[in-house]
Amino acid sequence: MIGFKGAGKTTLSDHLAAQDDVMVVEASSVLRSLAQDAEQSVETADDAFKFLTQHGLDCVAHTIGNFIERGTAKLYVVTGLRTVEEILL
């Protein structure tokens, strides 16, 4: 799910998460978790870019992909993305 800040991504994902067999994955939460595991912090966009540059621009996507492969939900909704470029990295 991609959209500008305030576009309703979280609202829609909360609605979808209430459905059976739907798992919502927040990409920014995955990024913060990865950073915490690496004993780093991502409070700003610059922090996030620095972390991603150090650990691989696709580390969040790979982590989410691995989570989905191991999961059992019928539908996965990935939120927290604001641009298509975040997916294309």
N, C-alpha and C. Protein backbone atom coordinates (compact mmCIF):
# COMPACT_ATOMS: atom_id res chain seq x y z
N MET A 1 0.85 -1.15 0.00
CA MET A 1 0.00 0.00 0.00
C MET A 1 0.91 1.22 0.00
N ILE A 2 0.72 2.10 -0.98
CA ILE A 2 1.56 3.28 -1.15
C ILE A 2 0.67 4.51 -1.16
N GLY A 3 1.12 5.57 -0.51
CA GLY A 3 0.37 6.81 -0.54
C GLY A 3 1.09 7.89 0.23
N PHE A 4 0.69 9.12 -0.03
CA PHE A 4 1.28 10.26 0.65
C PHE A 4 0.97 10.22 2.14
N LYS A 5 1.76 10.95 2.91
CA LYS A 5 1.51 11.09 4.34
C LYS A 5 0.09 11.61 4.55
N GLY A 6 -0.68 10.94 5.40
CA GLY A 6 -2.05 11.36 5.67
C GLY A 6 -3.08 10.87 4.66
N ALA A 7 -2.67 10.01 3.73
CA ALA A 7 -3.58 9.54 2.69
C ALA A 7 -4.57 8.49 3.17
N GLY A 8 -4.31 7.91 4.35
CA GLY A 8 -5.21 6.90 4.87
C GLY A 8 -4.68 5.48 4.81
N LYS A 9 -3.38 5.33 4.58
CA LYS A 9 -2.79 3.98 4.50
C LYS A 9 -3.01 3.20 5.79
N THR A 10 -2.76 3.85 6.91
CA THR A 10 -2.92 3.17 8.20
C THR A 10 -4.38 2.87 8.48
N THR A 11 -5.25 3.80 8.17
CA THR A 11 -6.69 3.59 8.40
C THR A 11 -7.18 2.39 7.60
N LEU A 12 -6.81 2.32 6.33
CA LEU A 12 -7.23 1.19 5.50
C LEU A 12 -6.59 -0.10 5.99
N SER A 13 -5.32 -0.05 6.37
CA SER A 13 -4.68 -1.28 6.84
C SER A 13 -5.30 -1.76 8.15
N ASP A 14 -5.70 -0.83 9.03
CA ASP A 14 -6.39 -1.23 10.26
C ASP A 14 -7.70 -1.93 9.95
N HIS A 15 -8.42 -1.43 8.95
CA HIS A 15 -9.67 -2.06 8.53
C HIS A 15 -9.41 -3.46 7.97
N LEU A 16 -8.39 -3.57 7.14
CA LEU A 16 -8.06 -4.87 6.55
C LEU A 16 -7.58 -5.86 7.61
N ALA A 17 -6.84 -5.37 8.58
CA ALA A 17 -6.30 -6.24 9.62
C ALA A 17 -7.40 -6.88 10.46
N ALA A 18 -8.57 -6.24 10.48
CA ALA A 18 -9.69 -6.80 11.25
C ALA A 18 -10.34 -7.99 10.53
N GLN A 19 -9.98 -8.20 9.28
CA GLN A 19 -10.53 -9.32 8.51
C GLN A 19 -9.79 -10.60 8.84
N ASP A 20 -10.45 -11.72 8.67
CA ASP A 20 -9.81 -13.02 8.90
C ASP A 20 -8.69 -13.25 7.89
N ASP A 21 -7.62 -13.84 8.36
CA ASP A 21 -6.50 -14.26 7.52
C ASP A 21 -5.80 -13.12 6.79
N VAL A 22 -5.78 -11.93 7.39
CA VAL A 22 -5.06 -10.80 6.81
C VAL A 22 -4.01 -10.34 7.82
N MET A 23 -2.77 -10.20 7.36
CA MET A 23 -1.68 -9.74 8.21
C MET A 23 -1.15 -8.43 7.63
N VAL A 24 -1.07 -7.41 8.46
CA VAL A 24 -0.54 -6.12 8.04
C VAL A 24 0.89 -6.01 8.55
N VAL A 25 1.79 -5.65 7.64
CA VAL A 25 3.19 -5.46 7.98
C VAL A 25 3.54 -4.00 7.71
N GLU A 26 3.99 -3.30 8.74
CA GLU A 26 4.36 -1.88 8.63
C GLU A 26 5.85 -1.80 8.33
N ALA A 27 6.20 -1.35 7.12
CA ALA A 27 7.60 -1.33 6.68
C ALA A 27 8.48 -0.48 7.58
N SER A 28 7.97 0.65 8.05
CA SER A 28 8.80 1.50 8.91
C SER A 28 9.06 0.81 10.26
N SER A 29 8.13 0.00 10.73
CA SER A 29 8.35 -0.76 11.96
C SER A 29 9.43 -1.81 11.75
N VAL A 30 9.44 -2.42 10.59
CA VAL A 30 10.47 -3.41 10.26
C VAL A 30 11.83 -2.71 10.23
N LEU A 31 11.89 -1.54 9.61
CA LEU A 31 13.14 -0.78 9.56
C LEU A 31 13.63 -0.44 10.96
N ARG A 32 12.74 0.05 11.82
CA ARG A 32 13.14 0.39 13.19
C ARG A 32 13.62 -0.86 13.95
N SER A 33 12.97 -1.99 13.73
CA SER A 33 13.37 -3.23 14.39
C SER A 33 14.76 -3.67 13.93
N LEU A 34 15.00 -3.60 12.64
CA LEU A 34 16.32 -3.95 12.11
C LEU A 34 17.39 -3.03 12.68
N ALA A 35 17.08 -1.75 12.76
CA ALA A 35 18.03 -0.78 13.31
C ALA A 35 18.31 -1.07 14.78
N GLN A 36 17.26 -1.38 15.52
CA GLN A 36 17.43 -1.69 16.94
C GLN A 36 18.31 -2.93 17.12
N ASP A 37 18.08 -3.94 16.29
CA ASP A 37 18.91 -5.15 16.35
C ASP A 37 20.38 -4.83 16.08
N ALA A 38 20.61 -3.80 15.25
CA ALA A 38 21.98 -3.38 14.91
C ALA A 38 22.49 -2.30 15.87
N GLU A 39 21.71 -2.06 16.93
CA GLU A 39 22.04 -1.04 17.93
C GLU A 39 22.20 0.34 17.30
N GLN A 40 21.27 0.65 16.39
CA GLN A 40 21.23 1.95 15.74
C GLN A 40 19.83 2.51 15.91
N SER A 41 19.70 3.78 15.56
CA SER A 41 18.41 4.47 15.67
C SER A 41 18.05 5.09 14.33
N VAL A 42 16.77 5.06 13.98
CA VAL A 42 16.29 5.70 12.75
C VAL A 42 15.14 6.65 13.11
N GLU A 43 15.48 7.81 13.59
CA GLU A 43 14.49 8.80 14.00
C GLU A 43 14.11 9.74 12.86
N THR A 44 14.98 9.89 11.89
CA THR A 44 14.74 10.83 10.79
C THR A 44 14.94 10.11 9.46
N ALA A 45 14.53 10.77 8.38
CA ALA A 45 14.75 10.21 7.04
C ALA A 45 16.23 10.05 6.76
N ASP A 46 17.04 10.99 7.24
CA ASP A 46 18.49 10.88 7.06
C ASP A 46 19.05 9.66 7.78
N ASP A 47 18.55 9.41 9.01
CA ASP A 47 18.96 8.22 9.75
C ASP A 47 18.60 6.96 8.98
N ALA A 48 17.39 6.94 8.45
CA ALA A 48 16.93 5.77 7.70
C ALA A 48 17.79 5.54 6.47
N PHE A 49 18.08 6.62 5.74
CA PHE A 49 18.91 6.48 4.54
C PHE A 49 20.30 5.99 4.91
N LYS A 50 20.86 6.51 5.98
CA LYS A 50 22.20 6.07 6.42
C LYS A 50 22.17 4.58 6.77
N PHE A 51 21.15 4.16 7.53
CA PHE A 51 21.04 2.76 7.90
C PHE A 51 20.91 1.88 6.65
N LEU A 52 20.02 2.26 5.75
CA LEU A 52 19.80 1.46 4.55
C LEU A 52 21.04 1.41 3.67
N THR A 53 21.78 2.50 3.61
CA THR A 53 23.02 2.52 2.84
C THR A 53 24.04 1.55 3.42
N GLN A 54 24.08 1.50 4.75
CA GLN A 54 25.04 0.62 5.42
C GLN A 54 24.64 -0.86 5.35
N HIS A 55 23.34 -1.13 5.41
CA HIS A 55 22.87 -2.52 5.53
C HIS A 55 22.21 -3.07 4.27
N GLY A 56 22.14 -2.26 3.26
CA GLY A 56 21.53 -2.69 2.00
C GLY A 56 20.18 -2.03 1.81
N LEU A 57 20.01 -1.38 0.68
CA LEU A 57 18.77 -0.66 0.41
C LEU A 57 17.55 -1.57 0.40
N ASP A 58 17.80 -2.87 0.21
CA ASP A 58 16.68 -3.81 0.13
C ASP A 58 16.52 -4.65 1.40
N CYS A 59 17.19 -4.28 2.49
CA CYS A 59 17.14 -5.12 3.70
C CYS A 59 15.73 -5.19 4.29
N VAL A 60 14.97 -4.10 4.21
CA VAL A 60 13.59 -4.13 4.73
C VAL A 60 12.73 -5.04 3.85
N ALA A 61 12.86 -4.90 2.55
CA ALA A 61 12.09 -5.73 1.62
C ALA A 61 12.41 -7.21 1.81
N HIS A 62 13.69 -7.54 1.97
CA HIS A 62 14.06 -8.95 2.19
C HIS A 62 13.50 -9.48 3.50
N THR A 63 13.54 -8.67 4.54
CA THR A 63 13.01 -9.09 5.83
C THR A 63 11.51 -9.35 5.74
N ILE A 64 10.79 -8.44 5.08
CA ILE A 64 9.35 -8.61 4.91
C ILE A 64 9.06 -9.84 4.04
N GLY A 65 9.83 -10.00 2.98
CA GLY A 65 9.64 -11.17 2.11
C GLY A 65 9.84 -12.48 2.86
N ASN A 66 10.86 -12.54 3.70
CA ASN A 66 11.10 -13.74 4.51
C ASN A 66 9.96 -13.99 5.48
N PHE A 67 9.44 -12.92 6.08
CA PHE A 67 8.32 -13.04 7.00
C PHE A 67 7.09 -13.61 6.28
N ILE A 68 6.83 -13.09 5.09
CA ILE A 68 5.67 -13.55 4.31
C ILE A 68 5.83 -15.01 3.90
N GLU A 69 7.04 -15.40 3.49
CA GLU A 69 7.27 -16.79 3.08
C GLU A 69 6.99 -17.77 4.21
N ARG A 70 7.29 -17.37 5.45
CA ARG A 70 7.10 -18.26 6.59
C ARG A 70 5.68 -18.20 7.15
N GLY A 71 4.93 -17.18 6.76
CA GLY A 71 3.61 -16.97 7.34
C GLY A 71 2.53 -17.84 6.74
N THR A 72 1.35 -17.76 7.35
CA THR A 72 0.23 -18.59 6.91
C THR A 72 -1.01 -17.78 6.55
N ALA A 73 -0.92 -16.45 6.61
CA ALA A 73 -2.09 -15.63 6.28
C ALA A 73 -2.41 -15.74 4.79
N LYS A 74 -3.68 -15.53 4.46
CA LYS A 74 -4.10 -15.55 3.05
C LYS A 74 -3.65 -14.29 2.32
N LEU A 75 -3.64 -13.17 3.05
CA LEU A 75 -3.31 -11.88 2.44
C LEU A 75 -2.37 -11.11 3.34
N TYR A 76 -1.32 -10.56 2.76
CA TYR A 76 -0.39 -9.69 3.48
C TYR A 76 -0.49 -8.30 2.88
N VAL A 77 -0.62 -7.31 3.75
CA VAL A 77 -0.67 -5.91 3.33
C VAL A 77 0.55 -5.24 3.93
N VAL A 78 1.39 -4.68 3.07
CA VAL A 78 2.59 -3.98 3.51
C VAL A 78 2.31 -2.49 3.42
N THR A 79 2.44 -1.80 4.55
CA THR A 79 2.20 -0.37 4.59
C THR A 79 3.47 0.35 5.03
N GLY A 80 3.39 1.66 5.07
CA GLY A 80 4.52 2.47 5.52
C GLY A 80 5.38 2.96 4.38
N LEU A 81 4.94 2.72 3.18
CA LEU A 81 5.67 3.19 2.00
C LEU A 81 4.97 4.42 1.44
N ARG A 82 5.75 5.41 1.02
CA ARG A 82 5.15 6.63 0.50
C ARG A 82 5.38 6.82 -0.99
N THR A 83 6.35 6.10 -1.53
CA THR A 83 6.65 6.25 -2.96
C THR A 83 6.91 4.89 -3.59
N VAL A 84 6.70 4.81 -4.88
CA VAL A 84 6.99 3.57 -5.62
C VAL A 84 8.48 3.27 -5.56
N GLU A 85 9.31 4.31 -5.52
CA GLU A 85 10.75 4.11 -5.49
C GLU A 85 11.20 3.28 -4.30
N GLU A 86 10.49 3.36 -3.19
CA GLU A 86 10.86 2.56 -2.02
C GLU A 86 10.73 1.07 -2.31
N ILE A 87 9.87 0.70 -3.20
CA ILE A 87 9.69 -0.69 -3.59
C ILE A 87 10.74 -1.08 -4.63
N LEU A 88 11.03 -0.16 -5.53
CA LEU A 88 11.95 -0.45 -6.62
C LEU A 88 13.39 -0.56 -6.17
N LEU A 89 13.73 -0.05 -4.99
CA LEU A 89 15.11 -0.15 -4.51
C LEU A 89 15.44 -1.60 -4.31
